[in-house]
């Protein structure tokens, strides 16, 4: 993953991820997404879950986040 992205972009993504991961557990939960993006429609959240949550554990790891936003 890091070999595919320039260091500067990876650093930006780490900052963005940390701003959404408010409990600091290393994952973004659906509740954290809803708090960070309160106007996000439920349909968008469901679509993101299907596309981005590759292991279907109901939360997004940094790797899943990078794949989704890159």
N, C-alpha and C. Protein backbone atom coordinates (compact mmCIF):
# COMPACT_ATOMS: atom_id res chain seq x y z
N UNK A 1 0.82 -1.19 0.00
CA UNK A 1 0.00 0.00 0.00
C UNK A 1 0.86 1.24 0.00
N UNK A 2 1.79 1.39 0.93
CA UNK A 2 2.59 2.60 1.01
C UNK A 2 3.50 2.76 -0.20
N UNK A 3 3.85 1.65 -0.87
CA UNK A 3 4.68 1.74 -2.07
C UNK A 3 3.91 2.36 -3.22
N UNK A 4 2.58 2.29 -3.16
CA UNK A 4 1.75 2.82 -4.23
C UNK A 4 1.48 4.31 -4.07
N UNK A 5 1.57 4.83 -2.87
CA UNK A 5 1.25 6.23 -2.60
C UNK A 5 2.49 7.00 -2.17
N UNK A 6 2.59 8.25 -2.62
CA UNK A 6 3.70 9.08 -2.13
C UNK A 6 3.57 9.28 -0.62
N UNK A 7 4.69 9.47 0.05
CA UNK A 7 4.69 9.64 1.50
C UNK A 7 3.79 10.78 1.96
N UNK A 8 3.78 11.86 1.20
CA UNK A 8 2.95 13.01 1.58
C UNK A 8 1.47 12.66 1.56
N UNK A 9 1.03 11.94 0.54
CA UNK A 9 -0.37 11.54 0.44
C UNK A 9 -0.73 10.55 1.55
N UNK A 10 0.17 9.63 1.85
CA UNK A 10 -0.07 8.67 2.92
C UNK A 10 -0.20 9.39 4.26
N UNK A 11 0.63 10.40 4.49
CA UNK A 11 0.55 11.18 5.72
C UNK A 11 -0.78 11.92 5.81
N UNK A 12 -1.26 12.47 4.69
CA UNK A 12 -2.56 13.15 4.66
C UNK A 12 -3.68 12.18 5.01
N UNK A 13 -3.60 10.98 4.45
CA UNK A 13 -4.63 9.98 4.71
C UNK A 13 -4.61 9.53 6.17
N UNK A 14 -3.43 9.43 6.76
CA UNK A 14 -3.34 9.06 8.19
C UNK A 14 -4.00 10.12 9.06
N UNK A 15 -3.80 11.38 8.72
CA UNK A 15 -4.42 12.48 9.47
C UNK A 15 -5.94 12.43 9.32
N UNK A 16 -6.40 12.23 8.09
CA UNK A 16 -7.85 12.15 7.84
C UNK A 16 -8.46 10.97 8.60
N UNK A 17 -7.80 9.83 8.54
CA UNK A 17 -8.29 8.64 9.23
C UNK A 17 -8.38 8.91 10.73
N UNK A 18 -7.34 9.49 11.30
CA UNK A 18 -7.31 9.76 12.75
C UNK A 18 -8.40 10.75 13.15
N UNK A 19 -8.74 11.68 12.27
CA UNK A 19 -9.79 12.65 12.61
C UNK A 19 -11.17 12.00 12.66
N UNK A 20 -11.35 10.91 11.92
CA UNK A 20 -12.63 10.20 11.93
C UNK A 20 -12.64 9.14 13.04
N UNK A 21 -11.51 8.50 13.28
CA UNK A 21 -11.37 7.45 14.31
C UNK A 21 -11.25 8.11 15.68
N UNK A 22 -12.37 8.63 16.18
CA UNK A 22 -12.33 9.43 17.39
C UNK A 22 -11.97 8.66 18.66
N UNK A 23 -12.20 7.36 18.67
CA UNK A 23 -11.83 6.60 19.87
C UNK A 23 -10.41 6.05 19.80
N UNK A 24 -9.75 6.25 18.65
CA UNK A 24 -8.35 5.88 18.51
C UNK A 24 -8.06 4.39 18.53
N UNK A 25 -9.05 3.56 18.20
CA UNK A 25 -8.83 2.12 18.24
C UNK A 25 -8.22 1.55 16.96
N UNK A 26 -7.98 2.44 15.97
CA UNK A 26 -7.38 1.98 14.72
C UNK A 26 -8.38 1.55 13.68
N UNK A 27 -9.66 1.76 13.97
CA UNK A 27 -10.73 1.42 13.04
C UNK A 27 -11.75 2.56 13.02
N UNK A 28 -12.42 2.71 11.90
CA UNK A 28 -13.52 3.65 11.80
C UNK A 28 -14.80 2.84 11.83
N UNK A 29 -15.63 3.12 12.82
CA UNK A 29 -16.91 2.43 12.93
C UNK A 29 -17.96 3.20 12.14
N UNK A 30 -19.10 2.56 11.91
CA UNK A 30 -20.19 3.26 11.23
C UNK A 30 -20.67 4.43 12.08
N UNK A 31 -20.66 4.28 13.40
CA UNK A 31 -21.07 5.37 14.29
C UNK A 31 -20.12 6.57 14.14
N UNK A 32 -18.82 6.30 14.04
CA UNK A 32 -17.86 7.39 13.84
C UNK A 32 -18.07 8.07 12.49
N UNK A 33 -18.35 7.28 11.47
CA UNK A 33 -18.65 7.87 10.15
C UNK A 33 -19.87 8.77 10.23
N UNK A 34 -20.92 8.30 10.91
CA UNK A 34 -22.14 9.09 11.03
C UNK A 34 -21.88 10.39 11.80
N UNK A 35 -21.05 10.33 12.85
CA UNK A 35 -20.72 11.54 13.60
C UNK A 35 -19.90 12.52 12.76
N UNK A 36 -18.97 11.99 11.99
CA UNK A 36 -18.09 12.85 11.18
C UNK A 36 -18.80 13.40 9.95
N UNK A 37 -19.69 12.61 9.38
CA UNK A 37 -20.46 13.00 8.19
C UNK A 37 -21.96 12.88 8.51
N UNK A 38 -22.50 13.82 9.29
CA UNK A 38 -23.90 13.68 9.73
C UNK A 38 -24.93 13.70 8.60
N UNK A 39 -24.58 14.28 7.47
CA UNK A 39 -25.52 14.34 6.36
C UNK A 39 -25.39 13.18 5.38
N UNK A 40 -24.55 12.22 5.70
CA UNK A 40 -24.35 11.06 4.83
C UNK A 40 -25.62 10.21 4.83
N UNK A 41 -26.24 10.03 3.65
CA UNK A 41 -27.47 9.22 3.60
C UNK A 41 -27.20 7.76 3.97
N UNK A 42 -28.19 7.12 4.53
CA UNK A 42 -28.07 5.71 4.92
C UNK A 42 -27.70 4.84 3.72
N UNK A 43 -28.21 5.19 2.54
CA UNK A 43 -27.89 4.41 1.34
C UNK A 43 -26.40 4.48 1.02
N UNK A 44 -25.82 5.65 1.21
CA UNK A 44 -24.39 5.82 0.94
C UNK A 44 -23.57 5.02 1.94
N UNK A 45 -23.99 5.02 3.19
CA UNK A 45 -23.30 4.25 4.21
C UNK A 45 -23.38 2.76 3.91
N UNK A 46 -24.54 2.30 3.47
CA UNK A 46 -24.70 0.89 3.12
C UNK A 46 -23.84 0.50 1.93
N UNK A 47 -23.80 1.36 0.93
CA UNK A 47 -22.98 1.09 -0.26
C UNK A 47 -21.51 1.08 0.11
N UNK A 48 -21.12 2.00 0.97
CA UNK A 48 -19.72 2.04 1.39
C UNK A 48 -19.36 0.77 2.16
N UNK A 49 -20.27 0.32 2.99
CA UNK A 49 -20.03 -0.89 3.76
C UNK A 49 -19.81 -2.08 2.84
N UNK A 50 -20.60 -2.18 1.80
CA UNK A 50 -20.45 -3.30 0.86
C UNK A 50 -19.14 -3.20 0.09
N UNK A 51 -18.77 -2.01 -0.32
CA UNK A 51 -17.59 -1.81 -1.15
C UNK A 51 -16.29 -1.76 -0.34
N UNK A 52 -16.31 -1.01 0.75
CA UNK A 52 -15.06 -0.70 1.45
C UNK A 52 -14.70 -1.68 2.56
N UNK A 53 -15.70 -2.23 3.21
CA UNK A 53 -15.45 -3.11 4.35
C UNK A 53 -15.16 -4.52 3.85
N UNK A 54 -13.96 -4.72 3.36
CA UNK A 54 -13.62 -5.96 2.67
C UNK A 54 -13.74 -7.21 3.54
N UNK A 55 -13.50 -7.07 4.85
CA UNK A 55 -13.64 -8.25 5.71
C UNK A 55 -15.01 -8.31 6.39
N UNK A 56 -15.88 -7.35 6.07
CA UNK A 56 -17.26 -7.32 6.56
C UNK A 56 -17.36 -7.42 8.08
N UNK A 57 -16.46 -6.74 8.78
CA UNK A 57 -16.51 -6.75 10.24
C UNK A 57 -17.25 -5.55 10.81
N UNK A 58 -17.81 -4.71 9.93
CA UNK A 58 -18.59 -3.57 10.39
C UNK A 58 -17.77 -2.35 10.75
N UNK A 59 -16.50 -2.38 10.44
CA UNK A 59 -15.63 -1.23 10.70
C UNK A 59 -14.57 -1.19 9.61
N UNK A 60 -13.89 -0.05 9.50
CA UNK A 60 -12.94 0.17 8.41
C UNK A 60 -11.53 0.32 8.98
N UNK A 61 -10.65 -0.54 8.55
CA UNK A 61 -9.24 -0.42 8.93
C UNK A 61 -8.60 0.69 8.10
N UNK A 62 -7.39 1.07 8.46
CA UNK A 62 -6.69 2.09 7.68
C UNK A 62 -6.49 1.62 6.24
N UNK A 63 -6.17 0.36 6.06
CA UNK A 63 -5.96 -0.18 4.71
C UNK A 63 -7.24 -0.10 3.88
N UNK A 64 -8.37 -0.43 4.49
CA UNK A 64 -9.66 -0.34 3.78
C UNK A 64 -9.96 1.12 3.45
N UNK A 65 -9.68 2.00 4.40
CA UNK A 65 -9.90 3.44 4.19
C UNK A 65 -9.08 3.95 3.00
N UNK A 66 -7.81 3.57 2.96
CA UNK A 66 -6.92 4.02 1.88
C UNK A 66 -7.43 3.50 0.54
N UNK A 67 -7.81 2.24 0.47
CA UNK A 67 -8.33 1.69 -0.79
C UNK A 67 -9.58 2.44 -1.25
N UNK A 68 -10.40 2.86 -0.30
CA UNK A 68 -11.66 3.53 -0.61
C UNK A 68 -11.44 4.97 -1.11
N UNK A 69 -10.54 5.69 -0.51
CA UNK A 69 -10.39 7.11 -0.83
C UNK A 69 -9.27 7.39 -1.83
N UNK A 70 -8.51 6.40 -2.18
CA UNK A 70 -7.40 6.62 -3.12
C UNK A 70 -7.82 6.38 -4.55
